[in-house]
Amino acid sequence: MSHTINARIPPRVEQKLAEYCAKSGVTRSQAVLRALEEYLDKAEGGADAFALAADLIPAKGAPDVQAEKVREIARRAFRGSRAR
């Protein structure tokens, strides 16, 4: 469950946020959430492996690595010249 939080930010920070969002193609909420997570991770002494990879994981999963395709992926990975 997500919660809403309200915060006041100075105009210069809002301008920087707007420029970042336009350049990066993310929403203000996404940018603020990422920045807050990074800040809190650094305050705790570093991020865990999941937090570091969370931005790389697609929202709907990676179809080319789904369980039903495991055999096909393995065959492609191990297929190659067989020296005898």
Protein backbone atom coordinates (compact mmCIF):
# COMPACT_ATOMS: atom_id res chain seq x y z
CA MET A 1 0.00 0.00 0.00
CA SER A 2 1.38 3.42 -0.87
CA HIS A 3 0.85 6.58 1.11
CA THR A 4 0.79 10.23 0.14
CA ILE A 5 3.18 12.72 1.66
CA ASN A 6 3.17 16.48 1.17
CA ALA A 7 6.29 18.61 1.39
CA ARG A 8 7.13 22.22 0.62
CA ILE A 9 10.13 22.76 -1.58
CA PRO A 10 11.85 26.02 -2.50
CA PRO A 11 11.29 27.37 -6.03
CA ARG A 12 14.92 26.65 -7.07
CA VAL A 13 14.53 22.98 -6.10
CA GLU A 14 11.19 22.75 -7.90
CA GLN A 15 12.80 24.20 -11.04
CA LYS A 16 15.65 21.68 -10.87
CA LEU A 17 13.11 18.89 -10.34
CA ALA A 18 11.05 20.00 -13.34
CA GLU A 19 14.16 20.15 -15.55
CA TYR A 20 15.31 16.70 -14.38
CA CYS A 21 11.87 15.17 -15.00
CA ALA A 22 11.62 16.67 -18.49
CA LYS A 23 15.11 15.49 -19.42
CA SER A 24 14.76 12.02 -17.86
CA GLY A 25 11.15 11.32 -18.83
CA VAL A 26 10.02 10.49 -15.30
CA THR A 27 7.22 11.91 -13.19
CA ARG A 28 7.87 14.18 -10.26
CA SER A 29 6.71 11.43 -7.92
CA GLN A 30 9.12 8.91 -9.44
CA ALA A 31 12.04 11.34 -9.21
CA VAL A 32 11.29 12.29 -5.60
CA LEU A 33 10.85 8.65 -4.59
CA ARG A 34 14.17 7.65 -6.18
CA ALA A 35 15.99 10.55 -4.54
CA LEU A 36 14.49 9.81 -1.14
CA GLU A 37 15.32 6.09 -1.38
CA GLU A 38 18.91 6.88 -2.37
CA TYR A 39 19.25 9.39 0.47
CA LEU A 40 17.88 6.95 3.06
CA ASP A 41 20.02 4.08 1.74
CA LYS A 42 23.16 6.22 2.09
CA ALA A 43 22.11 7.24 5.60
CA GLU A 44 21.81 3.54 6.54
CA GLY A 45 25.23 2.72 5.13
CA GLY A 46 24.34 1.57 1.64
CA ALA A 47 21.66 -0.09 -0.42
CA ASP A 48 20.89 -3.78 -0.58
CA ALA A 49 21.10 -5.73 -3.83
CA PHE A 50 17.36 -5.49 -4.55
CA ALA A 51 17.30 -1.72 -4.11
CA LEU A 52 20.20 -1.37 -6.53
CA ALA A 53 18.46 -3.48 -9.18
CA ALA A 54 14.86 -2.33 -8.59
CA ASP A 55 15.01 0.33 -11.33
CA LEU A 56 16.22 -2.27 -13.83
CA ILE A 57 13.32 -4.68 -13.30
CA PRO A 58 10.40 -3.98 -15.68
CA ALA A 59 7.00 -3.51 -14.02
CA LYS A 60 5.50 -6.50 -15.85
CA GLY A 61 8.58 -8.68 -15.63
CA ALA A 62 10.94 -9.67 -18.37
CA PRO A 63 9.02 -11.84 -20.87
CA ASP A 64 12.20 -13.28 -22.36
CA VAL A 65 13.17 -14.74 -18.97
CA GLN A 66 9.78 -16.10 -17.91
CA ALA A 67 9.66 -19.59 -16.41
CA GLU A 68 7.95 -21.19 -19.42
CA LYS A 69 10.84 -20.15 -21.66
CA VAL A 70 13.64 -21.43 -19.42
CA ARG A 71 14.43 -24.50 -21.54
CA GLU A 72 14.55 -22.44 -24.73
CA ILE A 73 16.82 -19.86 -23.13
CA ALA A 74 19.10 -22.57 -21.76
CA ARG A 75 19.32 -24.28 -25.17
CA ARG A 76 20.31 -21.03 -26.85
CA ALA A 77 22.86 -20.27 -24.16
CA PHE A 78 24.55 -23.66 -24.36
CA ARG A 79 24.18 -24.25 -28.09
CA GLY A 80 27.38 -23.90 -29.99
CA SER A 81 30.07 -25.85 -31.69
CA ARG A 82 30.62 -29.26 -30.21
CA ALA A 83 34.25 -30.22 -30.49
CA ARG A 84 34.70 -33.99 -30.39
